Amino acid sequence: MRKEQNIKGWVTALAVIGTVSAVIPAVGVQAKAQRVNAQWAEAAAEFRAADLDTLAVARVESPRLRDVADIRSLSSLRVEHRRWAETRASEHKCLAEAIYYEARSESRSGQLAVADVVKNRVKSKHYPNSICAVVYEGAHRPFACQFSFACDGSMDRAPTGKAWERSKNIAQVSLTGFVPDLTKNSTHYHTVNIEPDWAGTLEFKAKIGFHKFYRPSWRERNAGTSAIAIAPPT
């Protein structure tokens, strides 16, 4: 009789242990879900309660509030801002390509000088009014390109490596507009080992690295509208 009671007792104990073992994970999962829900509820409350003045003070203290500020700031973006961003990216790429193919073995000054010539042409009424249009002017016609790399097959080999990264960085620095024009408003250049016929018709301004830089001797008036993307629209 006692033996049967002991057996029943063990069976009951094992059943209780099994039940508890099954319940504990479920309780844990439920508790975790409740904690997550509570965190989301707290975040939602902060999102609803926050205003721009509060966000300005609390940006550093709360990552969630910082996210709200960033998201809300997008509400002021308009179509022209997106177009500016797209233009900026395109102009940066074209300028970087000009630097890479024309002066990738040059010093930083030599690369910035090439970028200066491109930008000076953009500002001139005698050339297209965007960086990409200046860099690739005449590239679709044989022997008509303004920058030799655009039509001599150089671009058959895509820009790569550290030289390409450096060219992109130089282009970015040039586009800030804070670097002085090293070429003194030059619109033309050639390598030091040649002497093209047109060089005698222009005013020599500087020798930088392996290039000589020139500009027209006459003073230009009524410069064209520049499409160099430096500052976003206000």
Protein backbone atom coordinates (compact mmCIF):
# COMPACT_ATOMS: atom_id res chain seq x y z
CA MET A 1 0.00 0.00 0.00
CA ARG A 2 2.76 2.39 0.98
CA LYS A 3 4.67 1.42 -2.13
CA GLU A 4 1.69 2.33 -4.31
CA GLN A 5 1.35 5.67 -2.54
CA ASN A 6 5.02 6.39 -3.14
CA ILE A 7 4.63 5.55 -6.82
CA LYS A 8 1.60 7.84 -7.10
CA GLY A 9 3.51 10.58 -5.33
CA TRP A 10 6.40 10.33 -7.76
CA VAL A 11 4.04 10.31 -10.72
CA THR A 12 2.30 13.45 -9.39
CA ALA A 13 5.64 15.17 -8.78
CA LEU A 14 6.87 14.36 -12.28
CA ALA A 15 3.62 15.63 -13.76
CA VAL A 16 3.95 18.88 -11.85
CA ILE A 17 7.57 19.26 -12.96
CA GLY A 18 6.58 18.61 -16.56
CA THR A 19 3.80 21.14 -16.36
CA VAL A 20 6.09 23.77 -14.85
CA SER A 21 8.77 23.03 -17.45
CA ALA A 22 6.23 23.58 -20.21
CA VAL A 23 4.80 26.72 -18.65
CA ILE A 24 8.08 28.51 -17.83
CA PRO A 25 9.19 28.97 -21.49
CA ALA A 26 5.72 30.16 -22.44
CA VAL A 27 5.76 32.64 -19.59
CA GLY A 28 9.22 33.78 -20.64
CA VAL A 29 8.12 34.33 -24.23
CA GLN A 30 5.06 36.20 -23.07
CA ALA A 31 7.10 38.36 -20.72
CA LYS A 32 9.55 39.20 -23.49
CA ALA A 33 6.71 40.13 -25.82
CA GLN A 34 5.25 42.36 -23.12
CA ARG A 35 8.61 44.08 -22.64
CA VAL A 36 8.96 44.67 -26.38
CA ASN A 37 5.43 46.03 -26.58
CA ALA A 38 6.13 48.31 -23.65
CA GLN A 39 9.28 49.61 -25.32
CA TRP A 40 7.42 50.28 -28.55
CA ALA A 41 4.63 51.99 -26.61
CA GLU A 42 7.20 54.17 -24.88
CA ALA A 43 8.84 55.02 -28.19
CA ALA A 44 5.48 55.82 -29.76
CA ALA A 45 4.63 58.10 -26.85
CA GLU A 46 7.92 59.93 -27.32
CA PHE A 47 7.27 60.23 -31.05
CA ARG A 48 3.83 61.70 -30.44
CA ALA A 49 4.91 63.99 -27.61
CA ALA A 50 8.08 65.28 -29.22
CA ASP A 51 8.12 68.61 -31.02
CA LEU A 52 10.98 70.31 -32.82
CA ASP A 53 11.95 72.43 -29.82
CA THR A 54 12.09 69.38 -27.57
CA LEU A 55 14.04 67.49 -30.21
CA ALA A 56 16.63 70.21 -30.48
CA VAL A 57 17.40 69.86 -26.77
CA ALA A 58 17.13 66.08 -26.56
CA ARG A 59 18.97 65.04 -29.73
CA VAL A 60 22.03 63.80 -27.87
CA GLU A 61 20.14 62.23 -24.99
CA SER A 62 17.73 60.01 -26.88
CA PRO A 63 18.52 58.02 -30.04
CA ARG A 64 14.80 57.64 -30.67
CA LEU A 65 14.28 61.38 -30.57
CA ARG A 66 17.28 61.85 -32.82
CA ASP A 67 15.67 59.50 -35.34
CA VAL A 68 12.44 61.49 -35.14
CA ALA A 69 14.29 64.71 -35.85
CA ASP A 70 16.01 63.22 -38.87
CA ILE A 71 12.75 61.81 -40.23
CA ARG A 72 10.81 65.01 -39.65
CA SER A 73 13.51 67.09 -41.29
CA LEU A 74 12.81 65.22 -44.54
CA SER A 75 9.35 66.74 -44.69
CA SER A 76 10.85 70.02 -45.95
CA LEU A 77 12.50 68.35 -48.95
CA ARG A 78 11.02 69.24 -52.29
CA VAL A 79 11.47 68.04 -55.84
CA GLU A 80 14.20 70.60 -56.45
CA HIS A 81 16.20 69.20 -53.54
CA ARG A 82 16.10 65.72 -55.08
CA ARG A 83 17.06 67.10 -58.46
CA TRP A 84 19.93 69.02 -56.88
CA ALA A 85 21.17 65.81 -55.21
CA GLU A 86 21.01 63.92 -58.50
CA THR A 87 22.79 66.74 -60.34
CA ARG A 88 25.42 66.97 -57.63
CA ALA A 89 26.16 63.24 -57.86
CA SER A 90 26.37 63.37 -61.66
CA GLU A 91 28.61 66.46 -61.71
CA HIS A 92 30.88 64.94 -59.08
CA LYS A 93 31.29 61.77 -61.14
CA CYS A 94 32.07 63.66 -64.36
CA LEU A 95 34.61 65.88 -62.63
CA ALA A 96 36.24 62.87 -60.97
CA GLU A 97 36.50 61.14 -64.36
CA ALA A 98 38.20 64.19 -65.87
CA ILE A 99 40.69 64.28 -63.00
CA TYR A 100 41.34 60.54 -63.20
CA TYR A 101 41.91 60.27 -66.94
CA GLU A 102 43.68 63.61 -67.39
CA ALA A 103 45.80 63.83 -64.23
CA ARG A 104 45.69 60.72 -62.07
CA SER A 105 49.52 60.63 -61.84
CA GLU A 106 49.66 64.31 -60.85
CA SER A 107 50.05 65.88 -57.42
CA ARG A 108 47.00 67.17 -55.60
CA SER A 109 47.66 70.66 -56.99
CA GLY A 110 47.88 69.29 -60.51
CA GLN A 111 44.57 67.47 -60.12
CA LEU A 112 42.84 70.47 -58.59
CA ALA A 113 44.11 72.59 -61.50
CA VAL A 114 42.43 70.30 -64.03
CA ALA A 115 39.21 70.59 -62.01
CA ASP A 116 39.61 74.39 -62.06
CA VAL A 117 39.72 74.43 -65.86
CA VAL A 118 36.52 72.41 -66.05
CA LYS A 119 34.74 74.75 -63.63
CA ASN A 120 36.07 77.86 -65.41
CA ARG A 121 34.59 76.58 -68.64
CA VAL A 122 31.26 76.00 -66.93
CA LYS A 123 31.27 79.65 -65.85
CA SER A 124 32.17 80.86 -69.34
CA LYS A 125 29.46 81.79 -71.84
CA HIS A 126 31.51 80.09 -74.56
CA TYR A 127 31.11 76.58 -73.16
CA PRO A 128 28.26 74.42 -71.87
CA ASN A 129 26.90 75.36 -68.47
CA SER A 130 27.33 72.09 -66.60
CA ILE A 131 30.36 70.03 -65.62
CA CYS A 132 29.28 66.91 -67.47
CA ALA A 133 28.49 68.86 -70.64
CA VAL A 134 31.89 70.58 -70.50
CA VAL A 135 33.85 67.39 -69.85
CA TYR A 136 32.14 65.42 -72.63
CA GLU A 137 31.65 68.22 -75.15
CA GLY A 138 32.20 66.82 -78.64
CA ALA A 139 32.78 63.28 -77.37
CA HIS A 140 30.20 61.88 -79.78
CA ARG A 141 32.14 63.19 -82.82
CA PRO A 142 35.56 61.90 -83.96
CA PHE A 143 38.43 64.24 -83.04
CA ALA A 144 35.99 66.82 -81.67
CA CYS A 145 36.25 66.14 -77.95
CA GLN A 146 37.58 68.92 -75.74
CA PHE A 147 39.25 66.51 -73.32
CA SER A 148 41.18 63.82 -75.16
CA PHE A 149 40.24 60.95 -72.84
CA ALA A 150 36.60 61.29 -73.88
CA CYS A 151 37.28 60.06 -77.42
CA ASP A 152 40.71 58.43 -77.55
CA GLY A 153 39.68 55.09 -76.05
CA SER A 154 40.96 55.81 -72.53
CA MET A 155 37.51 55.17 -71.09
CA ASP A 156 37.53 51.62 -72.40
CA ARG A 157 39.34 50.86 -69.16
CA ALA A 158 37.11 51.80 -66.21
CA PRO A 159 38.61 53.88 -63.38
CA THR A 160 39.68 51.71 -60.46
CA GLY A 161 41.83 51.50 -57.37
CA LYS A 162 43.35 54.15 -55.16
CA ALA A 163 43.80 56.55 -58.06
CA TRP A 164 40.02 56.55 -58.65
CA GLU A 165 39.27 57.03 -54.96
CA ARG A 166 41.73 59.92 -54.85
CA SER A 167 40.22 61.49 -57.96
CA LYS A 168 36.76 61.34 -56.40
CA ASN A 169 38.07 62.93 -53.23
CA ILE A 170 39.80 65.72 -55.16
CA ALA A 171 36.59 66.34 -57.12
CA GLN A 172 34.63 66.58 -53.89
CA VAL A 173 37.10 69.08 -52.44
CA SER A 174 36.99 71.15 -55.62
CA LEU A 175 33.20 71.23 -55.65
CA THR A 176 33.06 72.76 -52.17
CA GLY A 177 34.13 76.06 -53.74
CA PHE A 178 36.49 76.83 -50.88
CA VAL A 179 39.71 76.03 -52.78
CA PRO A 180 41.26 79.01 -54.63
CA ASP A 181 41.62 78.73 -58.39
CA LEU A 182 45.24 77.68 -58.92
CA THR A 183 45.05 78.36 -62.67
CA LYS A 184 44.01 82.04 -62.49
CA ASN A 185 40.78 81.50 -64.45
CA SER A 186 42.35 79.32 -67.13
CA THR A 187 40.13 77.53 -69.61
CA HIS A 188 42.81 75.57 -71.48
CA TYR A 189 45.82 73.43 -70.68
CA HIS A 190 48.26 71.05 -72.34
CA THR A 191 51.05 68.78 -71.18
CA VAL A 192 54.52 70.27 -70.95
CA ASN A 193 55.96 68.00 -73.65
CA ILE A 194 53.83 69.43 -76.47
CA GLU A 195 53.20 72.92 -77.87
CA PRO A 196 49.82 73.11 -79.64
CA ASP A 197 49.11 75.87 -82.17
CA TRP A 198 46.37 77.38 -80.03
CA ALA A 199 48.77 78.05 -77.14
CA GLY A 200 50.16 81.11 -78.96
CA THR A 201 46.70 82.67 -79.19
CA LEU A 202 46.04 82.54 -75.45
CA GLU A 203 47.57 84.11 -72.35
CA PHE A 204 49.84 81.80 -70.38
CA LYS A 205 48.85 81.82 -66.69
CA ALA A 206 50.61 79.01 -64.83
CA LYS A 207 52.60 75.81 -64.97
CA ILE A 208 51.35 73.26 -62.46
CA GLY A 209 52.78 69.78 -62.44
CA PHE A 210 52.97 68.40 -65.96
CA HIS A 211 50.53 70.92 -67.45
CA LYS A 212 50.61 74.51 -68.68
CA PHE A 213 47.46 76.57 -68.23
CA TYR A 214 46.05 79.37 -70.42
CA ARG A 215 43.10 81.71 -70.68
CA PRO A 216 41.84 84.07 -73.41
CA SER A 217 43.63 87.40 -73.36
CA TRP A 218 40.38 89.32 -73.65
CA ARG A 219 38.24 89.92 -70.60
CA GLU A 220 35.02 87.97 -70.72
CA ARG A 221 31.69 89.62 -70.10
CA ASN A 222 28.27 88.24 -69.24
CA ALA A 223 29.41 84.82 -68.11
CA GLY A 224 26.87 82.08 -68.65
CA THR A 225 24.72 80.55 -65.95
CA SER A 226 26.73 77.99 -64.01
CA ALA A 227 25.17 74.64 -63.15
CA ILE A 228 27.94 73.67 -60.73
CA ALA A 229 26.13 72.04 -57.85
CA ILE A 230 27.72 73.40 -54.68
CA ALA A 231 24.91 74.50 -52.40
CA PRO A 232 21.43 72.94 -52.21
CA PRO A 233 18.38 75.07 -53.08
CA THR A 234 17.02 77.15 -50.24
